[in-house]
Amino acid sequence: MKPVLLIFSFFSIFSTVAQTQKPNDPLAHTFSIVARDAKTGEMAVAVQSHWFSVGTGVSWGEAGVGVVATQSFTNRSFGLRGLDLLKEGKTPQEALNILLSDDEGRDFRQVAILDKQGRVATHTGKSCIDFAGHANGENFSVQANMMLNDKVVPAMEKAWKENSELPLAERMVAVLQAAQNAGGDIRGKQSAAFMVFAAEASTEPWNDKLIDLRVDDSENPIKEIDRLLKVFRAYEHMNQGDLYVEKNEMKSAMDEYNVAMKMFPENLEMQYWTAITLANDKQMERASAMLQNIYEKDSNWRELTKRLPKVGLLNVSEMDLKKLTK
């Protein structure tokens, strides 16, 4: 009986040790990229996973500092702590070494850190689920775990290098799509996210996160985040148009509005404010024609038009207002 008891005790102890080594942190088996645009200095982190709201745990960043992706068994503290270490003057590799040094779950972690100089450090723990790996170089690191095959990471690296002509945000989406096309997460798709940060911090930190898009639950999250990025770009043109209106540069304003409307011709918001700008520019016939078409689709816009003169957003006579709201 004693040998049996000894064997039982050995396996009990071994099981207990194994359980304590495996972290209790949330799962985020996934693929991601951290990268920097060499031309603008902007930095970004993008991720996709078959996990709900992956962007809330994996992706971290700060303007003028760097970006972090922490995944597999996600140690969320690595995000803020990694950024703090960069701010202290540590290199990405030094920061990564410190984060892992006292982490009992390091073998289950996958982490990538990139700083504002484009230096990177990446760790794929030996207990990350196959297929797992990473590839990095100047200004980028791509990493993945629990992939369908071993082709995902090479596909991501190739996509990053082959799309250098794209703006950083569009380039990040291209990398995510390449990963999915190569096989992606063995479990499928669910959520995606990416953020873009300014190269340097400003005195207006609320403006330093340039893009922040998330798809928390979708049958095709990369397709959806690509659509959202296009909407974001269209509204950039709308915002630029508004700035031109403030300067009374109506031709430039209309050029920007027209670009936005061509991108999303069915978007009533874009059509509406373009029409209001036309009205303020005394182009009443064009404004009225556009507004009547909008009202046919949703009469609430007519009521909104009646409210604009009170706050100075529509400067027309009473007679013209009646024409615009008939």
Protein backbone atom coordinates (compact mmCIF):
# COMPACT_ATOMS: atom_id res chain seq x y z
CA MET A 1 0.00 0.00 0.00
CA LYS A 2 2.85 2.39 0.74
CA PRO A 3 4.11 2.54 -2.92
CA VAL A 4 0.60 3.31 -4.10
CA LEU A 5 0.25 6.07 -1.54
CA LEU A 6 3.59 7.53 -2.60
CA ILE A 7 2.59 7.53 -6.27
CA PHE A 8 -0.77 9.09 -5.43
CA SER A 9 0.93 11.77 -3.34
CA PHE A 10 3.40 12.54 -6.13
CA PHE A 11 0.67 13.09 -8.70
CA SER A 12 -1.38 15.15 -6.25
CA ILE A 13 1.57 17.45 -5.62
CA PHE A 14 2.40 17.64 -9.33
CA SER A 15 -1.21 18.52 -10.18
CA THR A 16 -1.28 21.24 -7.52
CA VAL A 17 1.96 22.80 -8.83
CA ALA A 18 0.72 22.73 -12.42
CA GLN A 19 -2.51 24.44 -11.42
CA THR A 20 -0.70 27.19 -9.55
CA GLN A 21 1.59 27.83 -12.51
CA LYS A 22 -1.30 28.19 -14.93
CA PRO A 23 -2.68 31.74 -14.59
CA ASN A 24 -6.30 32.50 -13.84
CA ASP A 25 -6.26 35.53 -16.12
CA PRO A 26 -8.88 35.85 -18.89
CA LEU A 27 -8.24 34.07 -22.17
CA ALA A 28 -7.54 36.05 -25.33
CA HIS A 29 -6.13 33.58 -27.81
CA THR A 30 -5.73 35.74 -30.85
CA PHE A 31 -3.59 37.43 -33.46
CA SER A 32 -2.41 41.02 -33.22
CA ILE A 33 0.05 43.60 -34.50
CA VAL A 34 1.85 46.53 -32.88
CA ALA A 35 3.39 48.95 -35.37
CA ARG A 36 4.72 52.42 -36.10
CA ASP A 37 4.45 54.48 -39.28
CA ALA A 38 8.00 55.46 -40.18
CA LYS A 39 6.76 58.56 -42.05
CA THR A 40 4.44 60.07 -39.44
CA GLY A 41 5.68 58.43 -36.24
CA GLU A 42 2.11 57.38 -35.41
CA MET A 43 1.78 54.10 -33.49
CA ALA A 44 -0.99 51.52 -33.57
CA VAL A 45 -2.14 48.23 -32.11
CA ALA A 46 -4.72 45.96 -33.77
CA VAL A 47 -6.21 42.62 -32.77
CA GLN A 48 -8.80 39.99 -33.74
CA SER A 49 -10.03 36.97 -31.80
CA HIS A 50 -12.81 34.48 -31.29
CA TRP A 51 -13.44 36.11 -27.93
CA PHE A 52 -15.93 38.76 -26.86
CA SER A 53 -14.64 42.35 -26.80
CA VAL A 54 -10.98 41.42 -27.28
CA GLY A 55 -9.91 45.05 -27.61
CA THR A 56 -10.72 45.82 -23.97
CA GLY A 57 -7.98 43.52 -22.69
CA VAL A 58 -5.34 43.04 -25.37
CA SER A 59 -4.61 46.49 -26.78
CA TRP A 60 -2.98 49.41 -24.93
CA GLY A 61 -1.18 52.56 -25.98
CA GLU A 62 -0.26 56.16 -25.30
CA ALA A 63 0.78 58.98 -27.61
CA GLY A 64 4.48 59.73 -27.54
CA VAL A 65 5.17 56.54 -25.57
CA GLY A 66 4.27 53.31 -27.35
CA VAL A 67 1.77 50.47 -27.74
CA VAL A 68 1.36 47.07 -26.10
CA ALA A 69 -0.49 43.87 -27.00
CA THR A 70 -0.94 41.37 -24.17
CA GLN A 71 -2.70 38.12 -25.07
CA SER A 72 -3.02 34.33 -24.70
CA PHE A 73 -3.66 34.22 -20.93
CA THR A 74 -3.99 37.98 -20.78
CA ASN A 75 -2.15 39.82 -18.01
CA ARG A 76 -3.88 43.17 -18.40
CA SER A 77 -1.46 44.84 -16.02
CA PHE A 78 1.21 44.46 -18.71
CA GLY A 79 -0.54 47.18 -20.71
CA LEU A 80 -0.30 50.08 -18.28
CA ARG A 81 2.82 48.79 -16.55
CA GLY A 82 4.58 48.34 -19.88
CA LEU A 83 3.74 51.90 -20.91
CA ASP A 84 4.91 53.23 -17.54
CA LEU A 85 8.24 51.44 -17.94
CA LEU A 86 8.69 52.99 -21.40
CA LYS A 87 8.00 56.41 -19.88
CA GLU A 88 10.74 55.71 -17.32
CA GLY A 89 13.19 55.36 -20.21
CA LYS A 90 13.28 51.57 -20.45
CA THR A 91 13.64 49.97 -23.88
CA PRO A 92 10.86 47.61 -24.96
CA GLN A 93 13.08 44.62 -24.21
CA GLU A 94 13.97 45.94 -20.77
CA ALA A 95 10.31 46.62 -20.06
CA LEU A 96 9.31 43.14 -21.22
CA ASN A 97 12.02 41.51 -19.10
CA ILE A 98 10.77 43.32 -16.02
CA LEU A 99 7.13 42.38 -16.67
CA LEU A 100 7.98 38.71 -17.08
CA SER A 101 10.54 38.50 -14.29
CA ASP A 102 8.04 37.98 -11.46
CA ASP A 103 5.17 36.55 -13.51
CA GLU A 104 4.53 32.91 -12.65
CA GLY A 105 2.36 32.63 -15.75
CA ARG A 106 5.04 33.81 -18.17
CA ASP A 107 5.02 30.53 -20.08
CA PHE A 108 1.36 31.09 -20.97
CA ARG A 109 1.77 34.74 -22.01
CA GLN A 110 2.17 36.36 -25.37
CA VAL A 111 3.24 40.00 -25.27
CA ALA A 112 4.50 42.60 -27.74
CA ILE A 113 5.78 46.09 -26.89
CA LEU A 114 6.70 48.86 -29.32
CA ASP A 115 8.05 52.30 -28.38
CA LYS A 116 7.92 55.65 -30.16
CA GLN A 117 11.30 54.98 -31.78
CA GLY A 118 9.95 51.86 -33.45
CA ARG A 119 11.91 49.43 -31.28
CA VAL A 120 10.07 46.21 -30.41
CA ALA A 121 10.23 43.29 -28.01
CA THR A 122 8.06 40.19 -28.21
CA HIS A 123 7.51 37.12 -26.03
CA THR A 124 5.67 33.92 -26.91
CA GLY A 125 5.58 31.60 -23.92
CA LYS A 126 6.37 27.92 -24.41
CA SER A 127 2.90 26.96 -23.14
CA CYS A 128 0.97 29.10 -25.65
CA ILE A 129 -1.37 26.89 -27.64
CA ASP A 130 -0.28 25.85 -31.13
CA PHE A 131 0.06 27.23 -33.55
CA ALA A 132 1.78 30.09 -31.76
CA GLY A 133 4.62 32.40 -32.72
CA HIS A 134 5.70 35.90 -33.65
CA ALA A 135 7.81 37.85 -36.12
CA ASN A 136 9.18 41.33 -35.66
CA GLY A 137 11.49 43.95 -37.05
CA GLU A 138 11.95 47.69 -37.12
CA ASN A 139 8.61 49.41 -36.50
CA PHE A 140 6.46 46.28 -36.17
CA SER A 141 5.73 43.00 -34.42
CA VAL A 142 3.06 40.44 -35.35
CA GLN A 143 2.08 37.66 -32.96
CA ALA A 144 -0.52 34.90 -32.80
CA ASN A 145 -1.53 31.91 -30.75
CA MET A 146 -4.12 29.14 -31.11
CA MET A 147 -4.02 29.56 -34.87
CA LEU A 148 -5.40 27.03 -37.34
CA ASN A 149 -1.96 26.59 -38.92
CA ASP A 150 1.60 27.92 -38.96
CA LYS A 151 0.99 30.21 -41.96
CA VAL A 152 -0.74 33.03 -40.07
CA VAL A 153 2.29 34.86 -38.66
CA PRO A 154 4.24 34.78 -41.98
CA ALA A 155 1.12 36.09 -43.77
CA MET A 156 0.86 38.98 -41.31
CA GLU A 157 4.51 39.90 -41.69
CA LYS A 158 4.20 39.80 -45.48
CA ALA A 159 1.07 41.97 -45.45
CA TRP A 160 2.78 44.57 -43.24
CA LYS A 161 5.75 44.82 -45.58
CA GLU A 162 3.74 44.79 -48.82
CA ASN A 163 1.29 47.55 -47.82
CA SER A 164 3.72 50.30 -46.88
CA GLU A 165 1.94 52.79 -49.17
CA LEU A 166 -1.25 52.64 -47.08
CA PRO A 167 -2.04 54.94 -44.14
CA LEU A 168 -1.23 53.23 -40.86
CA ALA A 169 -4.83 52.40 -39.95
CA GLU A 170 -5.63 50.83 -43.31
CA ARG A 171 -2.33 48.97 -43.20
CA MET A 172 -3.24 47.46 -39.83
CA VAL A 173 -6.57 46.24 -41.17
CA ALA A 174 -4.78 44.69 -44.16
CA VAL A 175 -2.57 42.73 -41.75
CA LEU A 176 -5.59 41.45 -39.80
CA GLN A 177 -7.29 40.41 -43.02
CA ALA A 178 -4.17 38.60 -44.20
CA ALA A 179 -4.09 36.65 -40.94
CA GLN A 180 -7.71 35.64 -41.34
CA ASN A 181 -7.21 34.67 -44.98
CA ALA A 182 -4.31 32.43 -43.96
CA GLY A 183 -6.48 30.51 -41.51
CA GLY A 184 -6.77 32.73 -38.45
CA ASP A 185 -7.97 31.61 -35.04
CA ILE A 186 -8.77 27.88 -35.01
CA ARG A 187 -12.08 28.69 -33.27
CA GLY A 188 -13.24 31.27 -35.83
CA LYS A 189 -14.05 35.00 -35.54
CA GLN A 190 -15.85 37.23 -33.06
CA SER A 191 -14.26 40.58 -32.20
CA ALA A 192 -11.64 43.02 -33.43
CA ALA A 193 -10.20 46.37 -32.42
CA PHE A 194 -7.49 48.86 -33.22
CA MET A 195 -6.17 52.15 -31.95
CA VAL A 196 -3.85 54.71 -33.50
CA PHE A 197 -1.87 57.16 -31.35
CA ALA A 198 -0.06 60.38 -32.21
CA ALA A 199 3.72 60.28 -32.49
CA GLU A 200 4.11 62.82 -29.69
CA ALA A 201 1.92 63.73 -26.74
CA SER A 202 0.31 67.16 -26.91
CA THR A 203 -1.13 69.55 -24.35
CA GLU A 204 -4.55 68.18 -25.38
CA PRO A 205 -4.30 64.47 -24.50
CA TRP A 206 -7.95 63.92 -25.39
CA ASN A 207 -6.93 64.46 -29.01
CA ASP A 208 -3.84 62.24 -28.94
CA LYS A 209 -5.71 58.99 -29.56
CA LEU A 210 -6.32 59.49 -33.27
CA ILE A 211 -8.48 56.45 -33.97
CA ASP A 212 -10.22 54.06 -31.58
CA LEU A 213 -12.50 51.47 -33.21
CA ARG A 214 -13.91 48.27 -31.72
CA VAL A 215 -16.20 45.50 -32.89
CA ASP A 216 -17.11 43.51 -29.79
CA ASP A 217 -19.29 40.77 -31.29
CA SER A 218 -19.72 40.04 -34.99
CA GLU A 219 -19.81 37.18 -37.47
CA ASN A 220 -17.17 39.04 -39.50
CA PRO A 221 -15.38 41.52 -37.21
CA ILE A 222 -12.56 42.44 -39.58
CA LYS A 223 -14.99 43.28 -42.38
CA GLU A 224 -17.00 45.35 -39.93
CA ILE A 225 -14.00 47.22 -38.54
CA ASP A 226 -12.90 47.96 -42.10
CA ARG A 227 -16.37 49.43 -42.75
CA LEU A 228 -16.14 51.53 -39.59
CA LEU A 229 -12.76 52.84 -40.67
CA LYS A 230 -14.28 53.97 -43.96
CA VAL A 231 -17.07 55.73 -42.05
CA PHE A 232 -14.44 57.37 -39.86
CA ARG A 233 -12.60 58.63 -42.95
CA ALA A 234 -15.82 60.02 -44.39
CA TYR A 235 -16.54 61.94 -41.22
CA GLU A 236 -13.01 63.30 -41.28
CA HIS A 237 -14.01 64.98 -44.54
CA MET A 238 -17.22 66.24 -42.93
CA ASN A 239 -15.26 67.71 -40.02
CA GLN A 240 -12.83 69.37 -42.41
CA GLY A 241 -15.77 70.79 -44.30
CA ASP A 242 -17.12 72.26 -41.07
CA LEU A 243 -13.78 73.97 -40.45
CA TYR A 244 -13.93 75.53 -43.90
CA VAL A 245 -17.45 76.76 -43.17
CA GLU A 246 -16.16 78.49 -40.05
CA LYS A 247 -13.63 80.27 -42.25
CA ASN A 248 -16.35 81.09 -44.80
CA GLU A 249 -14.48 79.07 -47.44
CA MET A 250 -17.61 77.55 -48.92
CA LYS A 251 -16.10 76.03 -52.06
CA SER A 252 -13.55 74.09 -50.04
CA ALA A 253 -16.26 73.07 -47.59
CA MET A 254 -18.46 71.70 -50.36
CA ASP A 255 -15.50 69.81 -51.84
CA GLU A 256 -15.00 68.03 -48.51
CA TYR A 257 -18.70 67.33 -48.07
CA ASN A 258 -18.96 65.92 -51.57
CA VAL A 259 -16.08 63.52 -50.94
CA ALA A 260 -17.84 62.27 -47.81
CA MET A 261 -21.17 61.83 -49.60
CA LYS A 262 -19.54 59.90 -52.42
CA MET A 263 -18.13 57.50 -49.85
CA PHE A 264 -21.54 56.98 -48.22
CA PRO A 265 -24.24 58.26 -50.57
CA GLU A 266 -27.10 56.90 -48.42
CA ASN A 267 -25.98 58.62 -45.23
CA LEU A 268 -28.67 61.22 -44.41
CA GLU A 269 -26.49 62.99 -41.84
CA MET A 270 -23.90 63.84 -44.46
CA GLN A 271 -26.55 64.91 -46.95
CA TYR A 272 -28.32 67.06 -44.37
CA TRP A 273 -25.41 69.18 -43.22
CA THR A 274 -24.29 69.62 -46.79
CA ALA A 275 -27.74 71.01 -47.58
CA ILE A 276 -27.63 73.34 -44.57
CA THR A 277 -24.25 74.63 -45.72
CA LEU A 278 -25.72 75.31 -49.16
CA ALA A 279 -28.56 77.24 -47.54
CA ASN A 280 -26.16 79.34 -45.48
CA ASP A 281 -24.29 80.03 -48.71
CA LYS A 282 -27.56 81.35 -50.23
CA GLN A 283 -27.85 78.43 -52.66
CA MET A 284 -31.49 77.96 -51.72
CA GLU A 285 -32.70 75.90 -54.68
CA ARG A 286 -30.00 73.26 -54.28
CA ALA A 287 -30.44 73.22 -50.51
CA SER A 288 -34.21 72.90 -50.74
CA ALA A 289 -34.02 70.05 -53.27
CA MET A 290 -31.65 68.10 -51.05
CA LEU A 291 -33.70 68.71 -47.92
CA GLN A 292 -36.98 67.65 -49.51
CA ASN A 293 -35.39 64.37 -50.52
CA ILE A 294 -34.14 63.89 -46.96
CA TYR A 295 -37.55 64.71 -45.46
CA GLU A 296 -39.19 62.06 -47.61
CA LYS A 297 -36.97 59.45 -45.98
CA ASP A 298 -37.23 60.79 -42.42
CA SER A 299 -39.49 63.72 -41.51
CA ASN A 300 -37.64 64.38 -38.24
CA TRP A 301 -34.98 66.25 -40.22
CA ARG A 302 -37.61 68.87 -41.12
CA GLU A 303 -38.23 69.53 -37.44
CA LEU A 304 -34.49 69.81 -36.85
CA THR A 305 -34.21 72.43 -39.61
CA LYS A 306 -36.80 74.58 -37.82
CA ARG A 307 -34.67 74.54 -34.68
CA LEU A 308 -31.37 75.59 -36.26
CA PRO A 309 -31.94 79.37 -36.65
CA LYS A 310 -32.39 79.75 -32.88
CA VAL A 311 -28.82 78.61 -32.26
CA GLY A 312 -27.27 80.34 -35.27
CA LEU A 313 -26.61 77.22 -37.37
CA LEU A 314 -29.00 78.29 -40.12
CA ASN A 315 -28.90 81.94 -41.14
CA VAL A 316 -31.78 82.52 -43.55
CA SER A 317 -34.80 84.76 -43.75
CA GLU A 318 -38.25 83.70 -42.47
CA MET A 319 -39.38 83.33 -46.08
CA ASP A 320 -36.43 81.12 -46.99
CA LEU A 321 -36.93 79.05 -43.85
CA LYS A 322 -40.48 78.32 -44.92
CA LYS A 323 -39.19 77.19 -48.31
CA LEU A 324 -36.68 74.91 -46.66
CA THR A 325 -39.23 73.35 -44.30
CA LYS A 326 -42.33 73.10 -46.49
